PDB file of all heavy atoms in Angstrom:
ATOM      1  N   GLY A   1      -3.919 -26.423   1.082  1.00  0.00           N
ATOM      2  CA  GLY A   1      -3.207 -25.831  -0.011  1.00  0.00           C
ATOM      3  C   GLY A   1      -2.389 -26.947  -0.778  1.00  0.00           C
ATOM      4  O   GLY A   1      -2.557 -28.127  -0.355  1.00  0.00           O
ATOM      5  N   LEU A   2      -1.597 -26.536  -1.660  1.00  0.00           N
ATOM      6  CA  LEU A   2      -0.706 -27.338  -2.347  1.00  0.00           C
ATOM      7  C   LEU A   2       0.410 -26.594  -2.835  1.00  0.00           C
ATOM      8  O   LEU A   2       0.396 -25.430  -2.923  1.00  0.00           O
ATOM      9  CB  LEU A   2      -1.432 -27.974  -3.597  1.00  0.00           C
ATOM     10  CG  LEU A   2      -2.180 -27.078  -4.635  1.00  0.00           C
ATOM     11  CD1 LEU A   2      -1.152 -26.731  -5.694  1.00  0.00           C
ATOM     12  CD2 LEU A   2      -3.338 -27.735  -5.313  1.00  0.00           C
ATOM     13  N   TYR A   3       1.579 -27.247  -3.298  1.00  0.00           N
ATOM     14  CA  TYR A   3       2.637 -26.645  -4.013  1.00  0.00           C
ATOM     15  C   TYR A   3       3.239 -27.539  -5.019  1.00  0.00           C
ATOM     16  O   TYR A   3       2.930 -28.748  -5.034  1.00  0.00           O
ATOM     17  CB  TYR A   3       3.746 -26.365  -2.882  1.00  0.00           C
ATOM     18  CG  TYR A   3       4.587 -27.514  -2.517  1.00  0.00           C
ATOM     19  CD1 TYR A   3       5.774 -27.751  -3.099  1.00  0.00           C
ATOM     20  CD2 TYR A   3       4.155 -28.385  -1.508  1.00  0.00           C
ATOM     21  CE1 TYR A   3       6.553 -28.818  -2.688  1.00  0.00           C
ATOM     22  CE2 TYR A   3       5.019 -29.355  -1.001  1.00  0.00           C
ATOM     23  CZ  TYR A   3       6.148 -29.637  -1.676  1.00  0.00           C
ATOM     24  OH  TYR A   3       7.037 -30.700  -1.367  1.00  0.00           O
ATOM     25  N   GLY A   4       4.015 -26.944  -5.986  1.00  0.00           N
ATOM     26  CA  GLY A   4       4.566 -27.682  -6.955  1.00  0.00           C
ATOM     27  C   GLY A   4       5.446 -26.807  -7.921  1.00  0.00           C
ATOM     28  O   GLY A   4       5.809 -25.602  -7.485  1.00  0.00           O
ATOM     29  N   ILE A   5       5.847 -27.264  -9.065  1.00  0.00           N
ATOM     30  CA  ILE A   5       6.698 -26.618  -9.964  1.00  0.00           C
ATOM     31  C   ILE A   5       6.051 -26.207 -11.187  1.00  0.00           C
ATOM     32  O   ILE A   5       5.170 -26.885 -11.776  1.00  0.00           O
ATOM     33  CB  ILE A   5       7.843 -27.588 -10.372  1.00  0.00           C
ATOM     34  CG1 ILE A   5       8.652 -28.162  -9.189  1.00  0.00           C
ATOM     35  CG2 ILE A   5       8.828 -26.908 -11.389  1.00  0.00           C
ATOM     36  CD1 ILE A   5       9.295 -27.141  -8.279  1.00  0.00           C
ATOM     37  N   GLY A   6       6.275 -24.996 -11.653  1.00  0.00           N
ATOM     38  CA  GLY A   6       5.736 -24.459 -12.901  1.00  0.00           C
ATOM     39  C   GLY A   6       6.798 -24.217 -14.035  1.00  0.00           C
ATOM     40  O   GLY A   6       7.717 -23.563 -13.779  1.00  0.00           O
ATOM     41  N   LEU A   7       6.620 -25.011 -15.006  1.00  0.00           N
ATOM     42  CA  LEU A   7       7.516 -24.813 -16.245  1.00  0.00           C
ATOM     43  C   LEU A   7       6.704 -24.575 -17.455  1.00  0.00           C
ATOM     44  O   LEU A   7       5.997 -25.544 -17.824  1.00  0.00           O
ATOM     45  CB  LEU A   7       8.356 -26.000 -16.422  1.00  0.00           C
ATOM     46  CG  LEU A   7       9.535 -26.481 -15.310  1.00  0.00           C
ATOM     47  CD1 LEU A   7      10.212 -27.620 -15.756  1.00  0.00           C
ATOM     48  CD2 LEU A   7      10.422 -25.178 -15.224  1.00  0.00           C
ATOM     49  N   GLY A   8       6.786 -23.381 -18.056  1.00  0.00           N
ATOM     50  CA  GLY A   8       5.888 -23.202 -19.175  1.00  0.00           C
ATOM     51  C   GLY A   8       4.390 -23.333 -18.783  1.00  0.00           C
ATOM     52  O   GLY A   8       3.998 -22.797 -17.834  1.00  0.00           O
ATOM     53  N   GLY A   9       3.716 -24.073 -19.654  1.00  0.00           N
ATOM     54  CA  GLY A   9       2.331 -24.344 -19.457  1.00  0.00           C
ATOM     55  C   GLY A   9       1.973 -25.639 -18.571  1.00  0.00           C
ATOM     56  O   GLY A   9       0.811 -26.099 -18.575  1.00  0.00           O
ATOM     57  N   VAL A  10       2.997 -26.156 -17.858  1.00  0.00           N
ATOM     58  CA  VAL A  10       2.781 -27.442 -17.095  1.00  0.00           C
ATOM     59  C   VAL A  10       3.120 -27.114 -15.573  1.00  0.00           C
ATOM     60  O   VAL A  10       4.138 -26.352 -15.260  1.00  0.00           O
ATOM     61  CB  VAL A  10       3.766 -28.444 -17.571  1.00  0.00           C
ATOM     62  CG1 VAL A  10       3.592 -29.759 -16.735  1.00  0.00           C
ATOM     63  CG2 VAL A  10       3.695 -28.776 -19.102  1.00  0.00           C
ATOM     64  N   PHE A  11       2.154 -27.528 -14.783  1.00  0.00           N
ATOM     65  CA  PHE A  11       2.368 -27.504 -13.284  1.00  0.00           C
ATOM     66  C   PHE A  11       2.605 -28.856 -12.831  1.00  0.00           C
ATOM     67  O   PHE A  11       1.778 -29.839 -13.029  1.00  0.00           O
ATOM     68  CB  PHE A  11       1.092 -26.893 -12.593  1.00  0.00           C
ATOM     69  CG  PHE A  11       1.293 -26.713 -11.122  1.00  0.00           C
ATOM     70  CD1 PHE A  11       1.991 -25.509 -10.629  1.00  0.00           C
ATOM     71  CD2 PHE A  11       0.822 -27.611 -10.201  1.00  0.00           C
ATOM     72  CE1 PHE A  11       2.134 -25.453  -9.202  1.00  0.00           C
ATOM     73  CE2 PHE A  11       1.020 -27.559  -8.925  1.00  0.00           C
ATOM     74  CZ  PHE A  11       1.634 -26.480  -8.445  1.00  0.00           C
ATOM     75  N   PHE A  12       3.641 -29.070 -12.142  1.00  0.00           N
ATOM     76  CA  PHE A  12       4.089 -30.401 -11.600  1.00  0.00           C
ATOM     77  C   PHE A  12       3.703 -30.270 -10.080  1.00  0.00           C
ATOM     78  O   PHE A  12       4.405 -29.818  -9.257  1.00  0.00           O
ATOM     79  CB  PHE A  12       5.547 -30.644 -11.834  1.00  0.00           C
ATOM     80  CG  PHE A  12       6.097 -30.591 -13.188  1.00  0.00           C
ATOM     81  CD1 PHE A  12       6.308 -29.434 -13.851  1.00  0.00           C
ATOM     82  CD2 PHE A  12       6.170 -31.845 -13.943  1.00  0.00           C
ATOM     83  CE1 PHE A  12       6.778 -29.406 -15.236  1.00  0.00           C
ATOM     84  CE2 PHE A  12       6.652 -31.795 -15.163  1.00  0.00           C
ATOM     85  CZ  PHE A  12       6.867 -30.589 -15.880  1.00  0.00           C
ATOM     86  N   GLY A  13       2.588 -31.009  -9.781  1.00  0.00           N
ATOM     87  CA  GLY A  13       2.132 -30.973  -8.351  1.00  0.00           C
ATOM     88  C   GLY A  13       3.055 -31.896  -7.530  1.00  0.00           C
ATOM     89  O   GLY A  13       3.452 -32.970  -8.015  1.00  0.00           O
ATOM     90  N   GLU A  14       3.290 -31.418  -6.418  1.00  0.00           N
ATOM     91  CA  GLU A  14       4.206 -32.205  -5.405  1.00  0.00           C
ATOM     92  C   GLU A  14       3.445 -32.718  -4.229  1.00  0.00           C
ATOM     93  O   GLU A  14       3.563 -33.887  -3.806  1.00  0.00           O
ATOM     94  CB  GLU A  14       5.386 -31.230  -4.923  1.00  0.00           C
ATOM     95  CG  GLU A  14       6.481 -31.340  -5.995  1.00  0.00           C
ATOM     96  CD  GLU A  14       7.186 -32.730  -6.095  1.00  0.00           C
ATOM     97  OE1 GLU A  14       7.353 -33.398  -5.076  1.00  0.00           O
ATOM     98  OE2 GLU A  14       7.340 -33.243  -7.272  1.00  0.00           O
ATOM     99  N   SER A  15       2.705 -31.790  -3.435  1.00  0.00           N
ATOM    100  CA  SER A  15       2.071 -32.240  -2.387  1.00  0.00           C
ATOM    101  C   SER A  15       0.865 -31.256  -2.038  1.00  0.00           C
ATOM    102  O   SER A  15       0.891 -30.181  -2.459  1.00  0.00           O
ATOM    103  CB  SER A  15       3.022 -32.313  -1.105  1.00  0.00           C
ATOM    104  OG  SER A  15       2.349 -33.010  -0.015  1.00  0.00           O
ATOM    105  N   MET A  16      -0.097 -31.736  -1.257  1.00  0.00           N
ATOM    106  CA  MET A  16      -1.286 -30.968  -0.794  1.00  0.00           C
ATOM    107  C   MET A  16      -1.631 -31.372   0.603  1.00  0.00           C
ATOM    108  O   MET A  16      -1.234 -32.443   1.080  1.00  0.00           O
ATOM    109  CB  MET A  16      -2.459 -31.079  -1.801  1.00  0.00           C
ATOM    110  CG  MET A  16      -2.962 -32.437  -1.903  1.00  0.00           C
ATOM    111  SD  MET A  16      -4.428 -32.589  -3.008  1.00  0.00           S
ATOM    112  CE  MET A  16      -3.818 -31.866  -4.492  1.00  0.00           C
ATOM    113  N   PHE A  17      -2.327 -30.490   1.238  1.00  0.00           N
ATOM    114  CA  PHE A  17      -2.763 -30.803   2.563  1.00  0.00           C
ATOM    115  C   PHE A  17      -4.197 -30.180   2.870  1.00  0.00           C
ATOM    116  O   PHE A  17      -4.510 -29.312   2.245  1.00  0.00           O
ATOM    117  CB  PHE A  17      -1.847 -30.338   3.714  1.00  0.00           C
ATOM    118  CG  PHE A  17      -1.901 -28.794   3.920  1.00  0.00           C
ATOM    119  CD1 PHE A  17      -2.617 -28.313   4.996  1.00  0.00           C
ATOM    120  CD2 PHE A  17      -1.193 -27.932   3.130  1.00  0.00           C
ATOM    121  CE1 PHE A  17      -2.629 -26.991   5.310  1.00  0.00           C
ATOM    122  CE2 PHE A  17      -1.450 -26.581   3.260  1.00  0.00           C
ATOM    123  CZ  PHE A  17      -2.036 -26.146   4.417  1.00  0.00           C
ATOM    124  N   SER A  18      -4.844 -30.724   3.861  1.00  0.00           N
ATOM    125  CA  SER A  18      -6.210 -30.185   4.335  1.00  0.00           C
ATOM    126  C   SER A  18      -6.204 -30.236   5.823  1.00  0.00           C
ATOM    127  O   SER A  18      -5.801 -31.239   6.453  1.00  0.00           O
ATOM    128  CB  SER A  18      -7.299 -30.944   3.656  1.00  0.00           C
ATOM    129  OG  SER A  18      -7.492 -30.821   2.445  1.00  0.00           O
ATOM    130  N   ARG A  19      -6.571 -29.133   6.437  1.00  0.00           N
ATOM    131  CA  ARG A  19      -6.911 -29.125   7.834  1.00  0.00           C
ATOM    132  C   ARG A  19      -8.320 -29.097   8.141  1.00  0.00           C
ATOM    133  O   ARG A  19      -8.870 -29.252   9.260  1.00  0.00           O
ATOM    134  CB  ARG A  19      -6.207 -27.857   8.561  1.00  0.00           C
ATOM    135  CG  ARG A  19      -4.770 -28.084   8.472  1.00  0.00           C
ATOM    136  CD  ARG A  19      -4.046 -26.853   9.006  1.00  0.00           C
ATOM    137  NE  ARG A  19      -2.580 -27.021   9.182  1.00  0.00           N
ATOM    138  CZ  ARG A  19      -1.766 -25.887   9.043  1.00  0.00           C
ATOM    139  NH1 ARG A  19      -2.084 -24.756   8.969  1.00  0.00           N
ATOM    140  NH2 ARG A  19      -0.448 -26.216   9.159  1.00  0.00           N
ATOM    141  N   VAL A  20      -9.253 -28.803   7.085  1.00  0.00           N
ATOM    142  CA  VAL A  20     -10.698 -28.892   7.166  1.00  0.00           C
ATOM    143  C   VAL A  20     -10.999 -29.724   5.919  1.00  0.00           C
ATOM    144  O   VAL A  20     -10.357 -29.728   4.958  1.00  0.00           O
ATOM    145  CB  VAL A  20     -11.388 -27.603   7.151  1.00  0.00           C
ATOM    146  CG1 VAL A  20     -10.932 -26.847   8.496  1.00  0.00           C
ATOM    147  CG2 VAL A  20     -11.086 -26.661   5.986  1.00  0.00           C
ATOM    148  N   ALA A  21     -12.358 -30.206   5.909  1.00  0.00           N
ATOM    149  CA  ALA A  21     -12.881 -31.000   4.761  1.00  0.00           C
ATOM    150  C   ALA A  21     -12.685 -30.292   3.492  1.00  0.00           C
ATOM    151  O   ALA A  21     -13.168 -29.201   3.406  1.00  0.00           O
ATOM    152  CB  ALA A  21     -14.176 -31.445   5.128  1.00  0.00           C
ATOM    153  N   ASP A  22     -12.076 -30.918   2.523  1.00  0.00           N
ATOM    154  CA  ASP A  22     -12.174 -30.563   1.175  1.00  0.00           C
ATOM    155  C   ASP A  22     -11.294 -29.365   0.894  1.00  0.00           C
ATOM    156  O   ASP A  22     -11.180 -28.893  -0.319  1.00  0.00           O
ATOM    157  CB  ASP A  22     -13.547 -30.187   0.567  1.00  0.00           C
ATOM    158  CG  ASP A  22     -14.437 -31.433   0.580  1.00  0.00           C
ATOM    159  OD1 ASP A  22     -13.889 -32.571   0.304  1.00  0.00           O
ATOM    160  OD2 ASP A  22     -15.635 -31.242   0.643  1.00  0.00           O
ATOM    161  N   ALA A  23     -10.444 -28.841   1.768  1.00  0.00           N
ATOM    162  CA  ALA A  23      -9.600 -27.729   1.434  1.00  0.00           C
ATOM    163  C   ALA A  23      -8.541 -27.916   0.349  1.00  0.00           C
ATOM    164  O   ALA A  23      -8.395 -27.032  -0.462  1.00  0.00           O
ATOM    165  CB  ALA A  23      -8.928 -27.271   2.765  1.00  0.00           C
ATOM    166  N   SER A  24      -8.013 -29.068   0.348  1.00  0.00           N
ATOM    167  CA  SER A  24      -7.084 -29.356  -0.734  1.00  0.00           C
ATOM    168  C   SER A  24      -7.746 -29.479  -2.058  1.00  0.00           C
ATOM    169  O   SER A  24      -7.086 -29.015  -3.079  1.00  0.00           O
ATOM    170  CB  SER A  24      -6.294 -30.666  -0.487  1.00  0.00           C
ATOM    171  OG  SER A  24      -7.122 -31.749  -0.504  1.00  0.00           O
ATOM    172  N   LYS A  25      -8.885 -30.052  -2.139  1.00  0.00           N
ATOM    173  CA  LYS A  25      -9.723 -29.976  -3.371  1.00  0.00           C
ATOM    174  C   LYS A  25     -10.036 -28.603  -3.810  1.00  0.00           C
ATOM    175  O   LYS A  25      -9.976 -28.323  -5.005  1.00  0.00           O
ATOM    176  CB  LYS A  25     -10.944 -30.863  -3.156  1.00  0.00           C
ATOM    177  CG  LYS A  25     -10.777 -32.197  -2.969  1.00  0.00           C
ATOM    178  CD  LYS A  25     -12.117 -32.969  -2.805  1.00  0.00           C
ATOM    179  CE  LYS A  25     -11.978 -34.485  -2.529  1.00  0.00           C
ATOM    180  NZ  LYS A  25     -13.287 -35.154  -2.411  1.00  0.00           N
ATOM    181  N   VAL A  26     -10.383 -27.668  -2.860  1.00  0.00           N
ATOM    182  CA  VAL A  26     -10.622 -26.264  -3.180  1.00  0.00           C
ATOM    183  C   VAL A  26      -9.439 -25.661  -3.853  1.00  0.00           C
ATOM    184  O   VAL A  26      -9.393 -24.931  -4.864  1.00  0.00           O
ATOM    185  CB  VAL A  26     -11.051 -25.514  -2.067  1.00  0.00           C
ATOM    186  CG1 VAL A  26     -11.043 -24.020  -2.282  1.00  0.00           C
ATOM    187  CG2 VAL A  26     -12.419 -26.017  -1.555  1.00  0.00           C
ATOM    188  N   ALA A  27      -8.171 -26.041  -3.352  1.00  0.00           N
ATOM    189  CA  ALA A  27      -6.948 -25.442  -3.951  1.00  0.00           C
ATOM    190  C   ALA A  27      -6.754 -25.998  -5.328  1.00  0.00           C
ATOM    191  O   ALA A  27      -6.462 -25.162  -6.167  1.00  0.00           O
ATOM    192  CB  ALA A  27      -5.733 -25.895  -2.968  1.00  0.00           C
ATOM    193  N   LEU A  28      -6.973 -27.223  -5.552  1.00  0.00           N
ATOM    194  CA  LEU A  28      -6.724 -27.779  -6.862  1.00  0.00           C
ATOM    195  C   LEU A  28      -7.653 -27.297  -7.850  1.00  0.00           C
ATOM    196  O   LEU A  28      -7.403 -27.028  -9.116  1.00  0.00           O
ATOM    197  CB  LEU A  28      -6.827 -29.451  -6.835  1.00  0.00           C
ATOM    198  CG  LEU A  28      -6.485 -30.143  -8.119  1.00  0.00           C
ATOM    199  CD1 LEU A  28      -4.984 -29.794  -8.551  1.00  0.00           C
ATOM    200  CD2 LEU A  28      -6.695 -31.571  -7.897  1.00  0.00           C
ATOM    201  N   VAL A  29      -8.997 -27.169  -7.460  1.00  0.00           N
ATOM    202  CA  VAL A  29     -10.088 -26.607  -8.313  1.00  0.00           C
ATOM    203  C   VAL A  29      -9.625 -25.115  -8.776  1.00  0.00           C
ATOM    204  O   VAL A  29      -9.692 -24.805 -10.030  1.00  0.00           O
ATOM    205  CB  VAL A  29     -11.469 -26.601  -7.713  1.00  0.00           C
ATOM    206  CG1 VAL A  29     -12.385 -25.803  -8.604  1.00  0.00           C
ATOM    207  CG2 VAL A  29     -11.854 -27.978  -7.584  1.00  0.00           C
ATOM    208  N   HIS A  30      -9.184 -24.320  -7.875  1.00  0.00           N
ATOM    209  CA  HIS A  30      -8.842 -22.962  -8.223  1.00  0.00           C
ATOM    210  C   HIS A  30      -7.603 -22.982  -9.085  1.00  0.00           C
ATOM    211  O   HIS A  30      -7.539 -22.128 -10.070  1.00  0.00           O
ATOM    212  CB  HIS A  30      -8.579 -22.176  -7.005  1.00  0.00           C
ATOM    213  CG  HIS A  30      -9.770 -21.531  -6.412  1.00  0.00           C
ATOM    214  ND1 HIS A  30     -10.375 -20.355  -6.825  1.00  0.00           N
ATOM    215  CD2 HIS A  30     -10.702 -22.049  -5.471  1.00  0.00           C
ATOM    216  CE1 HIS A  30     -11.449 -20.080  -6.196  1.00  0.00           C
ATOM    217  NE2 HIS A  30     -11.706 -21.093  -5.313  1.00  0.00           N
ATOM    218  N   LEU A  31      -6.510 -23.823  -8.828  1.00  0.00           N
ATOM    219  CA  LEU A  31      -5.438 -23.941  -9.666  1.00  0.00           C
ATOM    220  C   LEU A  31      -5.771 -24.393 -11.065  1.00  0.00           C
ATOM    221  O   LEU A  31      -5.317 -23.623 -11.975  1.00  0.00           O
ATOM    222  CB  LEU A  31      -4.402 -24.937  -9.032  1.00  0.00           C
ATOM    223  CG  LEU A  31      -3.273 -25.340  -9.961  1.00  0.00           C
ATOM    224  CD1 LEU A  31      -2.245 -24.098 -10.057  1.00  0.00           C
ATOM    225  CD2 LEU A  31      -2.407 -26.468  -9.390  1.00  0.00           C
ATOM    226  N   ALA A  32      -6.569 -25.394 -11.199  1.00  0.00           N
ATOM    227  CA  ALA A  32      -6.996 -25.835 -12.536  1.00  0.00           C
ATOM    228  C   ALA A  32      -7.687 -24.773 -13.319  1.00  0.00           C
ATOM    229  O   ALA A  32      -7.282 -24.527 -14.619  1.00  0.00           O
ATOM    230  CB  ALA A  32      -7.790 -27.105 -12.431  1.00  0.00           C
ATOM    231  N   ARG A  33      -8.566 -24.006 -12.753  1.00  0.00           N
ATOM    232  CA  ARG A  33      -9.355 -23.063 -13.485  1.00  0.00           C
ATOM    233  C   ARG A  33      -8.447 -21.753 -13.742  1.00  0.00           C
ATOM    234  O   ARG A  33      -8.615 -21.160 -14.816  1.00  0.00           O
ATOM    235  CB  ARG A  33     -10.597 -22.661 -12.600  1.00  0.00           C
ATOM    236  CG  ARG A  33     -11.570 -23.752 -12.502  1.00  0.00           C
ATOM    237  CD  ARG A  33     -12.872 -23.456 -11.750  1.00  0.00           C
ATOM    238  NE  ARG A  33     -13.823 -24.410 -11.884  1.00  0.00           N
ATOM    239  CZ  ARG A  33     -14.966 -24.531 -11.073  1.00  0.00           C
ATOM    240  NH1 ARG A  33     -15.141 -23.627 -10.270  1.00  0.00           N
ATOM    241  NH2 ARG A  33     -15.846 -25.536 -11.374  1.00  0.00           N
ATOM    242  N   HIS A  34      -7.578 -21.518 -12.905  1.00  0.00           N
ATOM    243  CA  HIS A  34      -6.559 -20.404 -13.178  1.00  0.00           C
ATOM    244  C   HIS A  34      -5.663 -20.831 -14.312  1.00  0.00           C
ATOM    245  O   HIS A  34      -5.482 -19.888 -15.215  1.00  0.00           O
ATOM    246  CB  HIS A  34      -5.880 -20.003 -11.864  1.00  0.00           C
ATOM    247  CG  HIS A  34      -4.942 -18.836 -12.132  1.00  0.00           C
ATOM    248  ND1 HIS A  34      -5.277 -17.654 -12.024  1.00  0.00           N
ATOM    249  CD2 HIS A  34      -3.538 -18.866 -12.257  1.00  0.00           C
ATOM    250  CE1 HIS A  34      -4.279 -16.877 -12.237  1.00  0.00           C
ATOM    251  NE2 HIS A  34      -3.223 -17.503 -12.399  1.00  0.00           N
ATOM    252  N   LEU A  35      -5.123 -21.999 -14.397  1.00  0.00           N
ATOM    253  CA  LEU A  35      -4.351 -22.387 -15.453  1.00  0.00           C
ATOM    254  C   LEU A  35      -5.087 -22.395 -16.783  1.00  0.00           C
ATOM    255  O   LEU A  35      -4.553 -21.983 -17.842  1.00  0.00           O
ATOM    256  CB  LEU A  35      -3.735 -23.740 -15.217  1.00  0.00           C
ATOM    257  CG  LEU A  35      -2.825 -23.885 -13.942  1.00  0.00           C
ATOM    258  CD1 LEU A  35      -2.338 -25.364 -13.803  1.00  0.00           C
ATOM    259  CD2 LEU A  35      -1.497 -22.977 -14.184  1.00  0.00           C
ATOM    260  N   ALA A  36      -6.272 -22.929 -16.746  1.00  0.00           N
ATOM    261  CA  ALA A  36      -7.030 -23.010 -17.917  1.00  0.00           C
ATOM    262  C   ALA A  36      -7.374 -21.618 -18.602  1.00  0.00           C
ATOM    263  O   ALA A  36      -7.395 -21.482 -19.729  1.00  0.00           O
ATOM    264  CB  ALA A  36      -8.351 -23.677 -17.607  1.00  0.00           C
ATOM    265  N   ALA A  37      -7.509 -20.589 -17.576  1.00  0.00           N
ATOM    266  CA  ALA A  37      -7.916 -19.232 -18.002  1.00  0.00           C
ATOM    267  C   ALA A  37      -6.645 -18.520 -18.587  1.00  0.00           C
ATOM    268  O   ALA A  37      -6.726 -17.567 -19.379  1.00  0.00           O
ATOM    269  CB  ALA A  37      -8.508 -18.445 -16.910  1.00  0.00           C
ATOM    270  N   HIS A  38      -5.351 -18.981 -18.235  1.00  0.00           N
ATOM    271  CA  HIS A  38      -4.236 -18.168 -18.558  1.00  0.00           C
ATOM    272  C   HIS A  38      -3.042 -19.133 -19.265  1.00  0.00           C
ATOM    273  O   HIS A  38      -1.936 -18.693 -19.170  1.00  0.00           O
ATOM    274  CB  HIS A  38      -3.541 -17.585 -17.168  1.00  0.00           C
ATOM    275  CG  HIS A  38      -4.526 -16.667 -16.573  1.00  0.00           C
ATOM    276  ND1 HIS A  38      -4.869 -15.443 -17.244  1.00  0.00           N
ATOM    277  CD2 HIS A  38      -5.176 -16.683 -15.353  1.00  0.00           C
ATOM    278  CE1 HIS A  38      -5.617 -14.806 -16.347  1.00  0.00           C
ATOM    279  NE2 HIS A  38      -5.876 -15.498 -15.261  1.00  0.00           N
ATOM    280  N   GLY A  39      -3.550 -19.991 -19.948  1.00  0.00           N
ATOM    281  CA  GLY A  39      -2.600 -20.812 -20.914  1.00  0.00           C
ATOM    282  C   GLY A  39      -1.960 -22.013 -20.315  1.00  0.00           C
ATOM    283  O   GLY A  39      -1.123 -22.514 -21.016  1.00  0.00           O
ATOM    284  N   GLY A  40      -2.253 -22.348 -19.009  1.00  0.00           N
ATOM    285  CA  GLY A  40      -1.742 -23.626 -18.589  1.00  0.00           C
ATOM    286  C   GLY A  40      -2.331 -24.826 -19.323  1.00  0.00           C
ATOM    287  O   GLY A  40      -3.542 -24.770 -19.637  1.00  0.00           O
ATOM    288  N   ARG A  41      -1.580 -25.836 -19.559  1.00  0.00           N
ATOM    289  CA  ARG A  41      -2.101 -26.908 -20.415  1.00  0.00           C
ATOM    290  C   ARG A  41      -2.212 -28.223 -19.636  1.00  0.00           C
ATOM    291  O   ARG A  41      -2.927 -29.121 -20.052  1.00  0.00           O
ATOM    292  CB  ARG A  41      -1.164 -27.177 -21.584  1.00  0.00           C
ATOM    293  CG  ARG A  41      -0.987 -25.926 -22.350  1.00  0.00           C
ATOM    294  CD  ARG A  41      -2.342 -25.384 -22.929  1.00  0.00           C
ATOM    295  NE  ARG A  41      -2.856 -26.261 -23.843  1.00  0.00           N
ATOM    296  CZ  ARG A  41      -2.576 -26.273 -25.306  1.00  0.00           C
ATOM    297  NH1 ARG A  41      -1.792 -25.374 -25.793  1.00  0.00           N
ATOM    298  NH2 ARG A  41      -3.175 -27.068 -25.928  1.00  0.00           N
ATOM    299  N   LEU A  42      -1.387 -28.377 -18.549  1.00  0.00           N
ATOM    300  CA  LEU A  42      -1.376 -29.798 -17.913  1.00  0.00           C
ATOM    301  C   LEU A  42      -0.799 -29.633 -16.496  1.00  0.00           C
ATOM    302  O   LEU A  42      -0.101 -28.782 -16.104  1.00  0.00           O
ATOM    303  CB  LEU A  42      -0.251 -30.659 -18.692  1.00  0.00           C
ATOM    304  CG  LEU A  42      -0.262 -32.132 -18.342  1.00  0.00           C
ATOM    305  CD1 LEU A  42      -1.507 -32.832 -18.822  1.00  0.00           C
ATOM    306  CD2 LEU A  42       1.023 -32.809 -19.057  1.00  0.00           C
ATOM    307  N   ILE A  43      -1.571 -30.462 -15.645  1.00  0.00           N
ATOM    308  CA  ILE A  43      -1.090 -30.598 -14.267  1.00  0.00           C
ATOM    309  C   ILE A  43      -0.699 -32.091 -14.136  1.00  0.00           C
ATOM    310  O   ILE A  43      -1.369 -33.069 -14.283  1.00  0.00           O
ATOM    311  CB  ILE A  43      -2.249 -30.346 -13.282  1.00  0.00           C
ATOM    312  CG1 ILE A  43      -2.799 -28.930 -13.427  1.00  0.00           C
ATOM    313  CG2 ILE A  43      -1.716 -30.569 -11.766  1.00  0.00           C
ATOM    314  CD1 ILE A  43      -3.970 -28.626 -12.563  1.00  0.00           C
TER     315      ILE A  43
END
């Protein structure tokens, strides 16, 4: 997973972690696609 701050259309990423291979990448891909679909502009 990952966590960060959301202000308007910007997500400020703070940290991520993985306990199995590629899990943090999966989190970032889902975040990016969700933001792109709902007005987010920048990570």
